[in-house]
Amino acid sequence: MKPQFPHLDIHSHDLSRAGSAVVNLSPGDEIPAGAYCSVGVHPWNADKATEATFARMAAMAQSESVVAIGECGLDALKGPSLEVQQVAFERQVAVSEQAGKPLIIHAVKTVNEIIALRRRLNPAQPWIIHGFRGNPQQAAELLRHGFFISLGERFNAQTAAMIPADRLFFETDESTLPIELIVENINTHRNAKN
């Protein structure tokens, strides 16, 4: 079942959008009053995460203001080794499962590794690949394995057209465009297939 979020924009790094988007925080951040957020350790920072980091994340995850865990994941192009990133990722999967909240995933050149981890860990919580720019074949493989996909300002038009509505989310991420414009652009490509 598709998870419900309080805002159309499920992933933003812009704290000024706190009233209209799910803003991404790190475990050391304070939750802005009245905001909905996700909390996680980005894979680029996986080597800086300590036991205290994960304890803080688990504590923050208990807040009703925290609606997802992440952005976490694997990045083959930047950050510490994939082994280090995977340890931090698996810790965050555990927080997601314990808190009963979806996982927002950063996956760069690591779709196969993320699919393998999902198969091995068999999570109950939804996993959402954020900012997906891959081709329709990659999207089809992710969908086949139960993932949800979030699209932002930059996306593959053919991929946008083939993702079922009940598996699709929208995000601003680091874009300055309003979410409504991003959604309109994505839906233009989705409607073109009909």
C-alpha atoms as a PDB file:
ATOM      1  CA  MET A   1       0.000   0.000   0.000  1.00  0.00           C
ATOM      2  CA  LYS A   2       1.239   3.489  -0.863  1.00  0.00           C
ATOM      3  CA  PRO A   3       2.382   5.380   2.244  1.00  0.00           C
ATOM      4  CA  GLN A   4       0.632   8.647   3.015  1.00  0.00           C
ATOM      5  CA  PHE A   5       2.603  11.851   3.502  1.00  0.00           C
ATOM      6  CA  PRO A   6       1.295  15.163   4.884  1.00  0.00           C
ATOM      7  CA  HIS A   7       2.562  17.073   1.810  1.00  0.00           C
ATOM      8  CA  LEU A   8       2.723  16.497  -1.947  1.00  0.00           C
ATOM      9  CA  ASP A   9       6.470  17.279  -1.800  1.00  0.00           C
ATOM     10  CA  ILE A  10       7.918  14.250   0.018  1.00  0.00           C
ATOM     11  CA  HIS A  11      11.583  15.302  -0.013  1.00  0.00           C
ATOM     12  CA  SER A  12      13.188  18.736   0.246  1.00  0.00           C
ATOM     13  CA  HIS A  13      16.443  20.091   1.625  1.00  0.00           C
ATOM     14  CA  ASP A  14      15.025  23.618   1.812  1.00  0.00           C
ATOM     15  CA  LEU A  15      13.986  24.422   5.392  1.00  0.00           C
ATOM     16  CA  SER A  16      11.963  27.381   4.123  1.00  0.00           C
ATOM     17  CA  ARG A  17       9.568  24.781   2.647  1.00  0.00           C
ATOM     18  CA  ALA A  18       8.946  23.259   6.078  1.00  0.00           C
ATOM     19  CA  GLY A  19       5.245  24.147   5.992  1.00  0.00           C
ATOM     20  CA  SER A  20       4.669  22.627   2.551  1.00  0.00           C
ATOM     21  CA  ALA A  21       7.195  19.800   2.172  1.00  0.00           C
ATOM     22  CA  VAL A  22       8.743  16.928   4.092  1.00  0.00           C
ATOM     23  CA  VAL A  23      12.134  18.447   4.895  1.00  0.00           C
ATOM     24  CA  ASN A  24      15.239  16.323   5.237  1.00  0.00           C
ATOM     25  CA  LEU A  25      17.160  16.585   8.518  1.00  0.00           C
ATOM     26  CA  SER A  26      20.316  15.055   9.911  1.00  0.00           C
ATOM     27  CA  PRO A  27      20.210  13.381  13.335  1.00  0.00           C
ATOM     28  CA  GLY A  28      21.867  16.402  14.987  1.00  0.00           C
ATOM     29  CA  ASP A  29      19.264  18.879  13.713  1.00  0.00           C
ATOM     30  CA  GLU A  30      16.319  20.237  15.642  1.00  0.00           C
ATOM     31  CA  ILE A  31      12.858  19.507  14.283  1.00  0.00           C
ATOM     32  CA  PRO A  32      11.322  22.857  13.246  1.00  0.00           C
ATOM     33  CA  ALA A  33       8.064  23.632  15.048  1.00  0.00           C
ATOM     34  CA  GLY A  34       5.051  22.517  13.038  1.00  0.00           C
ATOM     35  CA  ALA A  35       7.187  20.832  10.361  1.00  0.00           C
ATOM     36  CA  TYR A  36       7.103  17.329   8.958  1.00  0.00           C
ATOM     37  CA  CYS A  37      10.470  15.823   8.205  1.00  0.00           C
ATOM     38  CA  SER A  38      12.583  12.813   7.459  1.00  0.00           C
ATOM     39  CA  VAL A  39      15.772  12.142   9.365  1.00  0.00           C
ATOM     40  CA  GLY A  40      18.775  10.229   8.134  1.00  0.00           C
ATOM     41  CA  VAL A  41      22.480   9.948   7.443  1.00  0.00           C
ATOM     42  CA  HIS A  42      23.262  10.667   3.802  1.00  0.00           C
ATOM     43  CA  PRO A  43      25.595   8.053   2.272  1.00  0.00           C
ATOM     44  CA  TRP A  44      28.236  10.741   1.649  1.00  0.00           C
ATOM     45  CA  ASN A  45      28.433  11.170   5.440  1.00  0.00           C
ATOM     46  CA  ALA A  46      28.220   7.498   6.403  1.00  0.00           C
ATOM     47  CA  ASP A  47      31.781   7.432   7.721  1.00  0.00           C
ATOM     48  CA  LYS A  48      30.943  10.211  10.202  1.00  0.00           C
ATOM     49  CA  ALA A  49      28.009   8.364  11.799  1.00  0.00           C
ATOM     50  CA  THR A  50      28.580   7.126  15.354  1.00  0.00           C
ATOM     51  CA  GLU A  51      26.528   5.127  17.833  1.00  0.00           C
ATOM     52  CA  ALA A  52      25.311   8.463  19.201  1.00  0.00           C
ATOM     53  CA  THR A  53      24.171   9.453  15.689  1.00  0.00           C
ATOM     54  CA  PHE A  54      21.996   6.362  15.343  1.00  0.00           C
ATOM     55  CA  ALA A  55      20.665   6.706  18.897  1.00  0.00           C
ATOM     56  CA  ARG A  56      19.660  10.297  18.175  1.00  0.00           C
ATOM     57  CA  MET A  57      18.017   9.231  14.903  1.00  0.00           C
ATOM     58  CA  ALA A  58      16.044   6.488  16.667  1.00  0.00           C
ATOM     59  CA  ALA A  59      14.890   9.004  19.290  1.00  0.00           C
ATOM     60  CA  MET A  60      13.867  11.549  16.637  1.00  0.00           C
ATOM     61  CA  ALA A  61      12.024   8.820  14.713  1.00  0.00           C
ATOM     62  CA  GLN A  62       9.585   8.518  17.613  1.00  0.00           C
ATOM     63  CA  SER A  63       8.296  12.050  16.951  1.00  0.00           C
ATOM     64  CA  GLU A  64       5.022  12.383  15.048  1.00  0.00           C
ATOM     65  CA  SER A  65       6.752  15.141  13.067  1.00  0.00           C
ATOM     66  CA  VAL A  66       9.172  12.578  11.604  1.00  0.00           C
ATOM     67  CA  VAL A  67       7.261  10.813   8.822  1.00  0.00           C
ATOM     68  CA  ALA A  68      10.157   8.953   7.155  1.00  0.00           C
ATOM     69  CA  ILE A  69      13.727   7.774   7.675  1.00  0.00           C
ATOM     70  CA  GLY A  70      16.391   8.990   5.267  1.00  0.00           C
ATOM     71  CA  GLU A  71      17.725  10.220   3.033  1.00  0.00           C
ATOM     72  CA  CYS A  72      20.008   7.239   3.271  1.00  0.00           C
ATOM     73  CA  GLY A  73      21.398   4.808   0.742  1.00  0.00           C
ATOM     74  CA  LEU A  74      24.377   3.964  -1.436  1.00  0.00           C
ATOM     75  CA  ASP A  75      26.371   6.118  -3.855  1.00  0.00           C
ATOM     76  CA  ALA A  76      29.041   4.499  -6.035  1.00  0.00           C
ATOM     77  CA  LEU A  77      30.367   7.866  -7.223  1.00  0.00           C
ATOM     78  CA  LYS A  78      30.829   9.846  -4.026  1.00  0.00           C
ATOM     79  CA  GLY A  79      31.403   9.301  -0.329  1.00  0.00           C
ATOM     80  CA  PRO A  80      33.194   6.608   1.659  1.00  0.00           C
ATOM     81  CA  SER A  81      33.437   3.004   0.492  1.00  0.00           C
ATOM     82  CA  LEU A  82      30.226   1.160  -0.349  1.00  0.00           C
ATOM     83  CA  GLU A  83      30.965  -1.163   2.575  1.00  0.00           C
ATOM     84  CA  VAL A  84      30.912   1.783   5.005  1.00  0.00           C
ATOM     85  CA  GLN A  85      27.796   3.190   3.343  1.00  0.00           C
ATOM     86  CA  GLN A  86      26.059  -0.180   3.566  1.00  0.00           C
ATOM     87  CA  VAL A  87      26.655  -0.452   7.326  1.00  0.00           C
ATOM     88  CA  ALA A  88      25.044   2.978   7.857  1.00  0.00           C
ATOM     89  CA  PHE A  89      22.227   2.100   5.458  1.00  0.00           C
ATOM     90  CA  GLU A  90      21.385  -1.133   7.277  1.00  0.00           C
ATOM     91  CA  ARG A  91      21.332   0.707  10.617  1.00  0.00           C
ATOM     92  CA  GLN A  92      18.780   3.110   9.136  1.00  0.00           C
ATOM     93  CA  VAL A  93      16.691   0.255   7.765  1.00  0.00           C
ATOM     94  CA  ALA A  94      16.518  -1.021  11.355  1.00  0.00           C
ATOM     95  CA  VAL A  95      15.354   2.420  12.580  1.00  0.00           C
ATOM     96  CA  SER A  96      12.734   2.524   9.800  1.00  0.00           C
ATOM     97  CA  GLU A  97      11.428  -0.890  10.804  1.00  0.00           C
ATOM     98  CA  GLN A  98      11.401  -0.114  14.538  1.00  0.00           C
ATOM     99  CA  ALA A  99       9.650   3.236  14.015  1.00  0.00           C
ATOM    100  CA  GLY A 100       7.234   1.863  11.405  1.00  0.00           C
ATOM    101  CA  LYS A 101       8.119   4.627   8.932  1.00  0.00           C
ATOM    102  CA  PRO A 102       9.052   4.527   5.225  1.00  0.00           C
ATOM    103  CA  LEU A 103      12.650   4.731   4.029  1.00  0.00           C
ATOM    104  CA  ILE A 104      13.752   7.449   1.556  1.00  0.00           C
ATOM    105  CA  ILE A 105      16.698   6.173  -0.464  1.00  0.00           C
ATOM    106  CA  HIS A 106      19.526   7.854  -2.356  1.00  0.00           C
ATOM    107  CA  ALA A 107      20.794   5.362  -4.980  1.00  0.00           C
ATOM    108  CA  VAL A 108      23.506   6.415  -7.431  1.00  0.00           C
ATOM    109  CA  LYS A 109      24.804   3.640  -9.681  1.00  0.00           C
ATOM    110  CA  THR A 110      23.692   1.163  -6.970  1.00  0.00           C
ATOM    111  CA  VAL A 111      20.203   0.019  -8.004  1.00  0.00           C
ATOM    112  CA  ASN A 112      21.270  -3.650  -8.100  1.00  0.00           C
ATOM    113  CA  GLU A 113      22.863  -3.407  -4.651  1.00  0.00           C
ATOM    114  CA  ILE A 114      19.769  -1.731  -3.184  1.00  0.00           C
ATOM    115  CA  ILE A 115      17.502  -4.406  -4.693  1.00  0.00           C
ATOM    116  CA  ALA A 116      19.762  -7.139  -3.260  1.00  0.00           C
ATOM    117  CA  LEU A 117      19.618  -5.519   0.190  1.00  0.00           C
ATOM    118  CA  ARG A 118      15.816  -5.312   0.037  1.00  0.00           C
ATOM    119  CA  ARG A 119      15.604  -8.977  -0.874  1.00  0.00           C
ATOM    120  CA  ARG A 120      17.983  -9.952   1.944  1.00  0.00           C
ATOM    121  CA  LEU A 121      16.523  -7.687   4.640  1.00  0.00           C
ATOM    122  CA  ASN A 122      12.858  -8.220   3.628  1.00  0.00           C
ATOM    123  CA  PRO A 123      11.577  -4.977   5.216  1.00  0.00           C
ATOM    124  CA  ALA A 124       7.945  -4.435   6.174  1.00  0.00           C
ATOM    125  CA  GLN A 125       8.211  -0.670   5.621  1.00  0.00           C
ATOM    126  CA  PRO A 126       8.017   0.903   2.134  1.00  0.00           C
ATOM    127  CA  TRP A 127      11.271   1.823   0.405  1.00  0.00           C
ATOM    128  CA  ILE A 128      11.160   4.923  -1.821  1.00  0.00           C
ATOM    129  CA  ILE A 129      13.921   5.668  -4.331  1.00  0.00           C
ATOM    130  CA  HIS A 130      14.135   9.456  -4.356  1.00  0.00           C
ATOM    131  CA  GLY A 131      15.156  11.683  -7.251  1.00  0.00           C
ATOM    132  CA  PHE A 132      15.041   8.766  -9.686  1.00  0.00           C
ATOM    133  CA  ARG A 133      16.475   9.574 -13.121  1.00  0.00           C
ATOM    134  CA  GLY A 134      16.979   6.052 -14.427  1.00  0.00           C
ATOM    135  CA  ASN A 135      15.586   4.394 -17.504  1.00  0.00           C
ATOM    136  CA  PRO A 136      12.292   2.484 -17.781  1.00  0.00           C
ATOM    137  CA  GLN A 137      14.055  -0.883 -17.451  1.00  0.00           C
ATOM    138  CA  GLN A 138      15.591   0.109 -14.104  1.00  0.00           C
ATOM    139  CA  ALA A 139      12.254   1.499 -12.929  1.00  0.00           C
ATOM    140  CA  ALA A 140      10.469  -1.701 -13.951  1.00  0.00           C
ATOM    141  CA  GLU A 141      12.978  -3.768 -11.958  1.00  0.00           C
ATOM    142  CA  LEU A 142      12.527  -1.549  -8.887  1.00  0.00           C
ATOM    143  CA  LEU A 143       8.742  -1.732  -9.178  1.00  0.00           C
ATOM    144  CA  ARG A 144       8.904  -5.516  -9.568  1.00  0.00           C
ATOM    145  CA  HIS A 145      10.744  -5.672  -6.241  1.00  0.00           C
ATOM    146  CA  GLY A 146       8.173  -3.541  -4.429  1.00  0.00           C
ATOM    147  CA  PHE A 147       9.855  -0.127  -4.463  1.00  0.00           C
ATOM    148  CA  PHE A 148       8.130   3.222  -4.772  1.00  0.00           C
ATOM    149  CA  ILE A 149       9.715   5.905  -6.959  1.00  0.00           C
ATOM    150  CA  SER A 150       9.907   9.659  -6.393  1.00  0.00           C
ATOM    151  CA  LEU A 151      10.575  12.047  -9.271  1.00  0.00           C
ATOM    152  CA  GLY A 152      11.833  15.613  -9.120  1.00  0.00           C
ATOM    153  CA  GLU A 153      12.829  18.407 -11.469  1.00  0.00           C
ATOM    154  CA  ARG A 154      15.095  16.177 -13.586  1.00  0.00           C
ATOM    155  CA  PHE A 155      13.702  12.821 -14.694  1.00  0.00           C
ATOM    156  CA  ASN A 156      13.517  10.418 -17.627  1.00  0.00           C
ATOM    157  CA  ALA A 157      10.273  11.195 -19.494  1.00  0.00           C
ATOM    158  CA  GLN A 158       9.776   7.578 -20.643  1.00  0.00           C
ATOM    159  CA  THR A 159      10.222   6.401 -17.063  1.00  0.00           C
ATOM    160  CA  ALA A 160       7.704   8.942 -15.761  1.00  0.00           C
ATOM    161  CA  ALA A 161       5.162   7.653 -18.266  1.00  0.00           C
ATOM    162  CA  MET A 162       5.408   4.037 -17.087  1.00  0.00           C
ATOM    163  CA  ILE A 163       5.315   4.377 -13.285  1.00  0.00           C
ATOM    164  CA  PRO A 164       1.844   3.533 -11.906  1.00  0.00           C
ATOM    165  CA  ALA A 165       0.251   6.383  -9.936  1.00  0.00           C
ATOM    166  CA  ASP A 166       0.049   4.223  -6.812  1.00  0.00           C
ATOM    167  CA  ARG A 167       3.848   3.801  -6.836  1.00  0.00           C
ATOM    168  CA  LEU A 168       4.806   7.403  -7.685  1.00  0.00           C
ATOM    169  CA  PHE A 169       5.800  10.340  -5.482  1.00  0.00           C
ATOM    170  CA  PHE A 170       6.993  13.887  -6.220  1.00  0.00           C
ATOM    171  CA  GLU A 171       9.754  15.974  -4.655  1.00  0.00           C
ATOM    172  CA  THR A 172      11.648  19.234  -4.936  1.00  0.00           C
ATOM    173  CA  ASP A 173      14.877  17.865  -3.388  1.00  0.00           C
ATOM    174  CA  GLU A 174      17.287  20.766  -4.003  1.00  0.00           C
ATOM    175  CA  SER A 175      15.266  22.448  -6.773  1.00  0.00           C
ATOM    176  CA  THR A 176      14.071  26.021  -6.411  1.00  0.00           C
ATOM    177  CA  LEU A 177      10.996  25.279  -8.551  1.00  0.00           C
ATOM    178  CA  PRO A 178       7.618  25.017  -6.808  1.00  0.00           C
ATOM    179  CA  ILE A 179       6.411  21.434  -6.383  1.00  0.00           C
ATOM    180  CA  GLU A 180       3.281  22.240  -8.389  1.00  0.00           C
ATOM    181  CA  LEU A 181       5.397  23.069 -11.448  1.00  0.00           C
ATOM    182  CA  ILE A 182       7.435  19.883 -11.046  1.00  0.00           C
ATOM    183  CA  VAL A 183       4.258  17.793 -10.762  1.00  0.00           C
ATOM    184  CA  GLU A 184       2.742  19.520 -13.803  1.00  0.00           C
ATOM    185  CA  ASN A 185       5.860  18.792 -15.871  1.00  0.00           C
ATOM    186  CA  ILE A 186       5.934  15.134 -14.813  1.00  0.00           C
ATOM    187  CA  ASN A 187       2.210  14.699 -15.443  1.00  0.00           C
ATOM    188  CA  THR A 188       2.560  16.219 -18.921  1.00  0.00           C
ATOM    189  CA  HIS A 189       4.871  13.322 -19.796  1.00  0.00           C
ATOM    190  CA  ARG A 190       2.669  10.790 -18.019  1.00  0.00           C
ATOM    191  CA  ASN A 191      -0.453  11.972 -19.850  1.00  0.00           C
ATOM    192  CA  ALA A 192       1.346  11.949 -23.213  1.00  0.00           C
ATOM    193  CA  LYS A 193       1.438   8.131 -23.123  1.00  0.00           C
ATOM    194  CA  ASN A 194      -2.379   7.917 -23.185  1.00  0.00           C
END
